[in-house]
């Protein structure tokens, strides 16, 4: 007959897993924003991309991807 898991240990294990998963997810989101911001960093300098198309791109992906570059500039 298998042993019953200790509820205190089980709860601590679940909390640790959930906290780690949450931090990993947040880190992944932040890294994704940085990668996308780096790729679109010079988009306004590309010939044929005007302010209207740039606004569509920003609206499609979300302004949070483009704020990273604005905040990193000295």
PDB file of N, CA and C in Angstrom:
ATOM      1  N   UNK A   1       0.837  -1.175   0.000  1.00  0.00           N
ATOM      2  CA  UNK A   1       0.000   0.000   0.000  1.00  0.00           C
ATOM      3  C   UNK A   1       0.889   1.247   0.000  1.00  0.00           C
ATOM      4  N   UNK A   2       0.671   2.164  -0.978  1.00  0.00           N
ATOM      5  CA  UNK A   2       1.519   3.362  -1.052  1.00  0.00           C
ATOM      6  C   UNK A   2       1.239   4.326   0.098  1.00  0.00           C
ATOM      7  N   UNK A   3       2.296   5.057   0.478  1.00  0.00           N
ATOM      8  CA  UNK A   3       2.165   6.039   1.550  1.00  0.00           C
ATOM      9  C   UNK A   3       1.387   7.252   1.063  1.00  0.00           C
ATOM     10  N   UNK A   4       0.646   7.855   1.975  1.00  0.00           N
ATOM     11  CA  UNK A   4      -0.043   9.111   1.649  1.00  0.00           C
ATOM     12  C   UNK A   4       0.978  10.242   1.713  1.00  0.00           C
ATOM     13  N   UNK A   5       0.926  11.172   0.744  1.00  0.00           N
ATOM     14  CA  UNK A   5       1.867  12.297   0.809  1.00  0.00           C
ATOM     15  C   UNK A   5       1.526  13.218   1.979  1.00  0.00           C
ATOM     16  N   UNK A   6       2.567  13.766   2.566  1.00  0.00           N
ATOM     17  CA  UNK A   6       2.388  14.714   3.664  1.00  0.00           C
ATOM     18  C   UNK A   6       1.732  15.980   3.098  1.00  0.00           C
ATOM     19  N   UNK A   7       0.589  16.410   3.628  1.00  0.00           N
ATOM     20  CA  UNK A   7      -0.104  17.578   3.053  1.00  0.00           C
ATOM     21  C   UNK A   7       0.706  18.872   3.143  1.00  0.00           C
ATOM     22  N   UNK A   8       1.505  19.033   4.191  1.00  0.00           N
ATOM     23  CA  UNK A   8       2.309  20.250   4.338  1.00  0.00           C
ATOM     24  C   UNK A   8       3.388  20.285   3.259  1.00  0.00           C
ATOM     25  N   UNK A   9       4.046  19.158   3.061  1.00  0.00           N
ATOM     26  CA  UNK A   9       5.094  19.079   2.046  1.00  0.00           C
ATOM     27  C   UNK A   9       4.479  19.221   0.655  1.00  0.00           C
ATOM     28  N   UNK A  10       3.333  18.586   0.439  1.00  0.00           N
ATOM     29  CA  UNK A  10       2.664  18.669  -0.856  1.00  0.00           C
ATOM     30  C   UNK A  10       2.271  20.109  -1.175  1.00  0.00           C
ATOM     31  N   UNK A  11       1.747  20.819  -0.165  1.00  0.00           N
ATOM     32  CA  UNK A  11       1.338  22.209  -0.366  1.00  0.00           C
ATOM     33  C   UNK A  11       2.553  23.085  -0.688  1.00  0.00           C
ATOM     34  N   UNK A  12       3.653  22.903   0.050  1.00  0.00           N
ATOM     35  CA  UNK A  12       4.871  23.677  -0.184  1.00  0.00           C
ATOM     36  C   UNK A  12       5.419  23.394  -1.583  1.00  0.00           C
ATOM     37  N   UNK A  13       5.349  22.130  -2.002  1.00  0.00           N
ATOM     38  CA  UNK A  13       5.824  21.762  -3.338  1.00  0.00           C
ATOM     39  C   UNK A  13       4.982  22.446  -4.413  1.00  0.00           C
ATOM     40  N   UNK A  14       3.667  22.451  -4.252  1.00  0.00           N
ATOM     41  CA  UNK A  14       2.779  23.085  -5.221  1.00  0.00           C
ATOM     42  C   UNK A  14       2.989  24.599  -5.264  1.00  0.00           C
ATOM     43  N   UNK A  15       3.142  25.231  -4.109  1.00  0.00           N
ATOM     44  CA  UNK A  15       3.379  26.679  -4.055  1.00  0.00           C
ATOM     45  C   UNK A  15       4.700  27.033  -4.733  1.00  0.00           C
ATOM     46  N   UNK A  16       5.732  26.253  -4.466  1.00  0.00           N
ATOM     47  CA  UNK A  16       7.033  26.493  -5.094  1.00  0.00           C
ATOM     48  C   UNK A  16       6.959  26.335  -6.596  1.00  0.00           C
ATOM     49  N   UNK A  17       6.247  25.302  -7.047  1.00  0.00           N
ATOM     50  CA  UNK A  17       6.096  25.084  -8.482  1.00  0.00           C
ATOM     51  C   UNK A  17       5.341  26.242  -9.120  1.00  0.00           C
ATOM     52  N   UNK A  18       4.238  26.651  -8.514  1.00  0.00           N
ATOM     53  CA  UNK A  18       3.431  27.740  -9.065  1.00  0.00           C
ATOM     54  C   UNK A  18       4.199  29.062  -9.087  1.00  0.00           C
ATOM     55  N   UNK A  19       4.935  29.358  -8.029  1.00  0.00           N
ATOM     56  CA  UNK A  19       5.735  30.588  -7.995  1.00  0.00           C
ATOM     57  C   UNK A  19       6.835  30.556  -9.056  1.00  0.00           C
ATOM     58  N   UNK A  20       7.476  29.414  -9.213  1.00  0.00           N
ATOM     59  CA  UNK A  20       8.516  29.277 -10.224  1.00  0.00           C
ATOM     60  C   UNK A  20       7.948  29.398 -11.624  1.00  0.00           C
ATOM     61  N   UNK A  21       6.789  28.794 -11.841  1.00  0.00           N
ATOM     62  CA  UNK A  21       6.141  28.879 -13.150  1.00  0.00           C
ATOM     63  C   UNK A  21       5.763  30.319 -13.465  1.00  0.00           C
ATOM     64  N   UNK A  22       5.235  31.033 -12.462  1.00  0.00           N
ATOM     65  CA  UNK A  22       4.830  32.427 -12.667  1.00  0.00           C
ATOM     66  C   UNK A  22       6.043  33.295 -13.007  1.00  0.00           C
ATOM     67  N   UNK A  23       7.140  33.129 -12.265  1.00  0.00           N
ATOM     68  CA  UNK A  23       8.350  33.917 -12.532  1.00  0.00           C
ATOM     69  C   UNK A  23       8.929  33.587 -13.902  1.00  0.00           C
ATOM     70  N   UNK A  24       8.920  32.317 -14.259  1.00  0.00           N
ATOM     71  CA  UNK A  24       9.417  31.910 -15.575  1.00  0.00           C
ATOM     72  C   UNK A  24       8.572  32.485 -16.698  1.00  0.00           C
ATOM     73  N   UNK A  25       7.267  32.509 -16.505  1.00  0.00           N
ATOM     74  CA  UNK A  25       6.369  33.066 -17.514  1.00  0.00           C
ATOM     75  C   UNK A  25       6.621  34.560 -17.683  1.00  0.00           C
ATOM     76  N   UNK A  26       6.773  35.273 -16.562  1.00  0.00           N
ATOM     77  CA  UNK A  26       7.037  36.711 -16.627  1.00  0.00           C
ATOM     78  C   UNK A  26       8.377  36.994 -17.309  1.00  0.00           C
ATOM     79  N   UNK A  27       9.375  36.191 -17.000  1.00  0.00           N
ATOM     80  CA  UNK A  27      10.688  36.355 -17.624  1.00  0.00           C
ATOM     81  C   UNK A  27      10.605  36.083 -19.123  1.00  0.00           C
ATOM     82  N   UNK A  28       9.845  35.072 -19.499  1.00  0.00           N
ATOM     83  CA  UNK A  28       9.662  34.761 -20.915  1.00  0.00           C
ATOM     84  C   UNK A  28       8.962  35.881 -21.654  1.00  0.00           C
ATOM     85  N   UNK A  29       7.957  36.480 -21.024  1.00  0.00           N
ATOM     86  CA  UNK A  29       7.260  37.608 -21.645  1.00  0.00           C
ATOM     87  C   UNK A  29       8.211  38.789 -21.833  1.00  0.00           C
ATOM     88  N   UNK A  30       9.001  39.064 -20.814  1.00  0.00           N
ATOM     89  CA  UNK A  30       9.943  40.181 -20.889  1.00  0.00           C
ATOM     90  C   UNK A  30      10.965  39.954 -21.998  1.00  0.00           C
ATOM     91  N   UNK A  31      11.471  38.727 -22.103  1.00  0.00           N
ATOM     92  CA  UNK A  31      12.439  38.416 -23.157  1.00  0.00           C
ATOM     93  C   UNK A  31      11.809  38.531 -24.538  1.00  0.00           C
ATOM     94  N   UNK A  32      10.561  38.093 -24.665  1.00  0.00           N
ATOM     95  CA  UNK A  32       9.863  38.201 -25.948  1.00  0.00           C
ATOM     96  C   UNK A  32       9.702  39.663 -26.343  1.00  0.00           C
ATOM     97  N   UNK A  33       9.378  40.503 -25.378  1.00  0.00           N
ATOM     98  CA  UNK A  33       9.238  41.937 -25.653  1.00  0.00           C
ATOM     99  C   UNK A  33      10.564  42.528 -26.113  1.00  0.00           C
ATOM    100  N   UNK A  34      11.647  42.135 -25.463  1.00  0.00           N
ATOM    101  CA  UNK A  34      12.962  42.662 -25.837  1.00  0.00           C
ATOM    102  C   UNK A  34      13.366  42.220 -27.239  1.00  0.00           C
ATOM    103  N   UNK A  35      13.094  40.963 -27.583  1.00  0.00           N
ATOM    104  CA  UNK A  35      13.445  40.461 -28.911  1.00  0.00           C
ATOM    105  C   UNK A  35      12.632  41.178 -29.977  1.00  0.00           C
ATOM    106  N   UNK A  36      11.333  41.297 -29.751  1.00  0.00           N
ATOM    107  CA  UNK A  36      10.478  41.966 -30.728  1.00  0.00           C
ATOM    108  C   UNK A  36      10.843  43.441 -30.854  1.00  0.00           C
ATOM    109  N   UNK A  37      11.139  44.077 -29.743  1.00  0.00           N
ATOM    110  CA  UNK A  37      11.530  45.488 -29.776  1.00  0.00           C
ATOM    111  C   UNK A  37      12.839  45.671 -30.540  1.00  0.00           C
ATOM    112  N   UNK A  38      13.768  44.741 -30.377  1.00  0.00           N
ATOM    113  CA  UNK A  38      15.036  44.834 -31.096  1.00  0.00           C
ATOM    114  C   UNK A  38      14.825  44.649 -32.598  1.00  0.00           C
ATOM    115  N   UNK A  39      13.936  43.743 -32.970  1.00  0.00           N
ATOM    116  CA  UNK A  39      13.693  43.505 -34.394  1.00  0.00           C
ATOM    117  C   UNK A  39      12.987  44.676 -35.049  1.00  0.00           C
ATOM    118  N   UNK A  40      12.102  45.336 -34.308  1.00  0.00           N
ATOM    119  CA  UNK A  40      11.341  46.447 -34.867  1.00  0.00           C
ATOM    120  C   UNK A  40      11.952  47.797 -34.525  1.00  0.00           C
ATOM    121  N   UNK A  41      13.143  47.802 -33.944  1.00  0.00           N
ATOM    122  CA  UNK A  41      13.774  49.031 -33.500  1.00  0.00           C
ATOM    123  C   UNK A  41      13.975  50.074 -34.587  1.00  0.00           C
ATOM    124  N   UNK A  42      14.377  49.675 -35.766  1.00  0.00           N
ATOM    125  CA  UNK A  42      14.638  50.632 -36.835  1.00  0.00           C
ATOM    126  C   UNK A  42      13.578  50.607 -37.923  1.00  0.00           C
ATOM    127  N   UNK A  43      12.389  50.161 -37.581  1.00  0.00           N
ATOM    128  CA  UNK A  43      11.331  50.007 -38.570  1.00  0.00           C
ATOM    129  C   UNK A  43      10.961  51.324 -39.236  1.00  0.00           C
ATOM    130  N   UNK A  44      11.034  52.418 -38.499  1.00  0.00           N
ATOM    131  CA  UNK A  44      10.661  53.718 -39.079  1.00  0.00           C
ATOM    132  C   UNK A  44      11.678  54.197 -40.121  1.00  0.00           C
ATOM    133  N   UNK A  45      12.871  53.582 -40.147  1.00  0.00           N
ATOM    134  CA  UNK A  45      13.906  53.990 -41.091  1.00  0.00           C
ATOM    135  C   UNK A  45      13.824  53.220 -42.414  1.00  0.00           C
ATOM    136  N   UNK A  46      12.995  52.188 -42.476  1.00  0.00           N
ATOM    137  CA  UNK A  46      12.871  51.375 -43.681  1.00  0.00           C
ATOM    138  C   UNK A  46      12.090  52.151 -44.736  1.00  0.00           C
ATOM    139  N   UNK A  47      12.623  52.231 -45.956  1.00  0.00           N
ATOM    140  CA  UNK A  47      11.901  52.952 -47.017  1.00  0.00           C
ATOM    141  C   UNK A  47      10.545  52.292 -47.287  1.00  0.00           C
ATOM    142  N   UNK A  48       9.523  53.102 -47.420  1.00  0.00           N
ATOM    143  CA  UNK A  48       8.184  52.593 -47.702  1.00  0.00           C
ATOM    144  C   UNK A  48       7.331  52.413 -46.467  1.00  0.00           C
ATOM    145  N   UNK A  49       7.914  52.520 -45.294  1.00  0.00           N
ATOM    146  CA  UNK A  49       7.135  52.406 -44.066  1.00  0.00           C
ATOM    147  C   UNK A  49       6.959  53.809 -43.502  1.00  0.00           C
ATOM    148  N   UNK A  50       5.749  54.282 -43.617  1.00  0.00           N
ATOM    149  CA  UNK A  50       5.431  55.619 -43.132  1.00  0.00           C
ATOM    150  C   UNK A  50       4.772  55.571 -41.778  1.00  0.00           C
ATOM    151  N   UNK A  51       4.334  56.710 -41.300  1.00  0.00           N
ATOM    152  CA  UNK A  51       3.736  56.779 -39.969  1.00  0.00           C
ATOM    153  C   UNK A  51       2.437  55.971 -39.846  1.00  0.00           C
ATOM    154  N   UNK A  52       1.667  55.877 -40.926  1.00  0.00           N
ATOM    155  CA  UNK A  52       0.400  55.132 -40.859  1.00  0.00           C
ATOM    156  C   UNK A  52       0.647  53.629 -40.703  1.00  0.00           C
ATOM    157  N   UNK A  53       1.571  53.086 -41.511  1.00  0.00           N
ATOM    158  CA  UNK A  53       1.874  51.664 -41.417  1.00  0.00           C
ATOM    159  C   UNK A  53       2.540  51.346 -40.074  1.00  0.00           C
ATOM    160  N   UNK A  54       3.414  52.224 -39.635  1.00  0.00           N
ATOM    161  CA  UNK A  54       4.062  52.029 -38.342  1.00  0.00           C
ATOM    162  C   UNK A  54       3.032  52.017 -37.218  1.00  0.00           C
ATOM    163  N   UNK A  55       2.038  52.881 -37.311  1.00  0.00           N
ATOM    164  CA  UNK A  55       0.975  52.914 -36.304  1.00  0.00           C
ATOM    165  C   UNK A  55       0.168  51.616 -36.323  1.00  0.00           C
ATOM    166  N   UNK A  56      -0.075  51.067 -37.527  1.00  0.00           N
ATOM    167  CA  UNK A  56      -0.794  49.792 -37.635  1.00  0.00           C
ATOM    168  C   UNK A  56      -0.001  48.664 -36.981  1.00  0.00           C
ATOM    169  N   UNK A  57       1.312  48.664 -37.208  1.00  0.00           N
ATOM    170  CA  UNK A  57       2.168  47.628 -36.615  1.00  0.00           C
ATOM    171  C   UNK A  57       2.146  47.739 -35.093  1.00  0.00           C
ATOM    172  N   UNK A  58       2.271  48.952 -34.589  1.00  0.00           N
ATOM    173  CA  UNK A  58       2.257  49.170 -33.141  1.00  0.00           C
ATOM    174  C   UNK A  58       0.905  48.746 -32.557  1.00  0.00           C
ATOM    175  N   UNK A  59      -0.173  49.098 -33.223  1.00  0.00           N
ATOM    176  CA  UNK A  59      -1.502  48.722 -32.739  1.00  0.00           C
ATOM    177  C   UNK A  59      -1.712  47.215 -32.781  1.00  0.00           C
ATOM    178  N   UNK A  60      -1.150  46.556 -33.800  1.00  0.00           N
ATOM    179  CA  UNK A  60      -1.313  45.112 -33.923  1.00  0.00           C
ATOM    180  C   UNK A  60      -0.578  44.365 -32.806  1.00  0.00           C
ATOM    181  N   UNK A  61       0.674  44.704 -32.593  1.00  0.00           N
ATOM    182  CA  UNK A  61       1.479  43.986 -31.609  1.00  0.00           C
ATOM    183  C   UNK A  61       1.290  44.519 -30.199  1.00  0.00           C
ATOM    184  N   UNK A  62       0.911  45.770 -30.054  1.00  0.00           N
ATOM    185  CA  UNK A  62       0.746  46.374 -28.735  1.00  0.00           C
ATOM    186  C   UNK A  62       1.893  47.314 -28.434  1.00  0.00           C
ATOM    187  N   UNK A  63       1.558  48.412 -27.823  1.00  0.00           N
ATOM    188  CA  UNK A  63       2.564  49.447 -27.584  1.00  0.00           C
ATOM    189  C   UNK A  63       3.625  49.025 -26.571  1.00  0.00           C
ATOM    190  N   UNK A  64       3.319  48.009 -25.730  1.00  0.00           N
ATOM    191  CA  UNK A  64       4.305  47.597 -24.723  1.00  0.00           C
ATOM    192  C   UNK A  64       5.580  47.057 -25.363  1.00  0.00           C
ATOM    193  N   UNK A  65       5.497  46.524 -26.582  1.00  0.00           N
ATOM    194  CA  UNK A  65       6.683  46.027 -27.262  1.00  0.00           C
ATOM    195  C   UNK A  65       7.576  47.163 -27.735  1.00  0.00           C
ATOM    196  N   UNK A  66       7.009  48.312 -27.944  1.00  0.00           N
ATOM    197  CA  UNK A  66       7.760  49.434 -28.474  1.00  0.00           C
ATOM    198  C   UNK A  66       8.196  50.402 -27.375  1.00  0.00           C
ATOM    199  N   UNK A  67       7.583  50.322 -26.208  1.00  0.00           N
ATOM    200  CA  UNK A  67       7.972  51.175 -25.085  1.00  0.00           C
ATOM    201  C   UNK A  67       9.335  50.789 -24.537  1.00  0.00           C
ATOM    202  N   UNK A  68       9.708  49.531 -24.686  1.00  0.00           N
ATOM    203  CA  UNK A  68      10.989  49.046 -24.148  1.00  0.00           C
ATOM    204  C   UNK A  68      12.129  49.827 -24.773  1.00  0.00           C
ATOM    205  N   UNK A  69      12.105  50.003 -26.079  1.00  0.00           N
ATOM    206  CA  UNK A  69      13.178  50.744 -26.763  1.00  0.00           C
ATOM    207  C   UNK A  69      13.177  52.202 -26.334  1.00  0.00           C
ATOM    208  N   UNK A  70      11.985  52.787 -26.230  1.00  0.00           N
ATOM    209  CA  UNK A  70      11.897  54.186 -25.828  1.00  0.00           C
ATOM    210  C   UNK A  70      12.472  54.396 -24.421  1.00  0.00           C
ATOM    211  N   UNK A  71      12.230  53.442 -23.526  1.00  0.00           N
ATOM    212  CA  UNK A  71      12.714  53.570 -22.156  1.00  0.00           C
ATOM    213  C   UNK A  71      14.208  53.285 -22.051  1.00  0.00           C
ATOM    214  N   UNK A  72      14.772  52.498 -22.969  1.00  0.00           N
ATOM    215  CA  UNK A  72      16.189  52.152 -22.895  1.00  0.00           C
ATOM    216  C   UNK A  72      17.093  53.247 -23.460  1.00  0.00           C
ATOM    217  N   UNK A  73      16.573  54.128 -24.283  1.00  0.00           N
ATOM    218  CA  UNK A  73      17.405  55.180 -24.860  1.00  0.00           C
ATOM    219  C   UNK A  73      17.852  56.134 -23.774  1.00  0.00           C
ATOM    220  N   UNK A  74      19.136  56.523 -23.784  1.00  0.00           N
ATOM    221  CA  UNK A  74      19.624  57.440 -22.722  1.00  0.00           C
ATOM    222  C   UNK A  74      19.111  58.841 -22.906  1.00  0.00           C
TER     223      UNK A  74
END
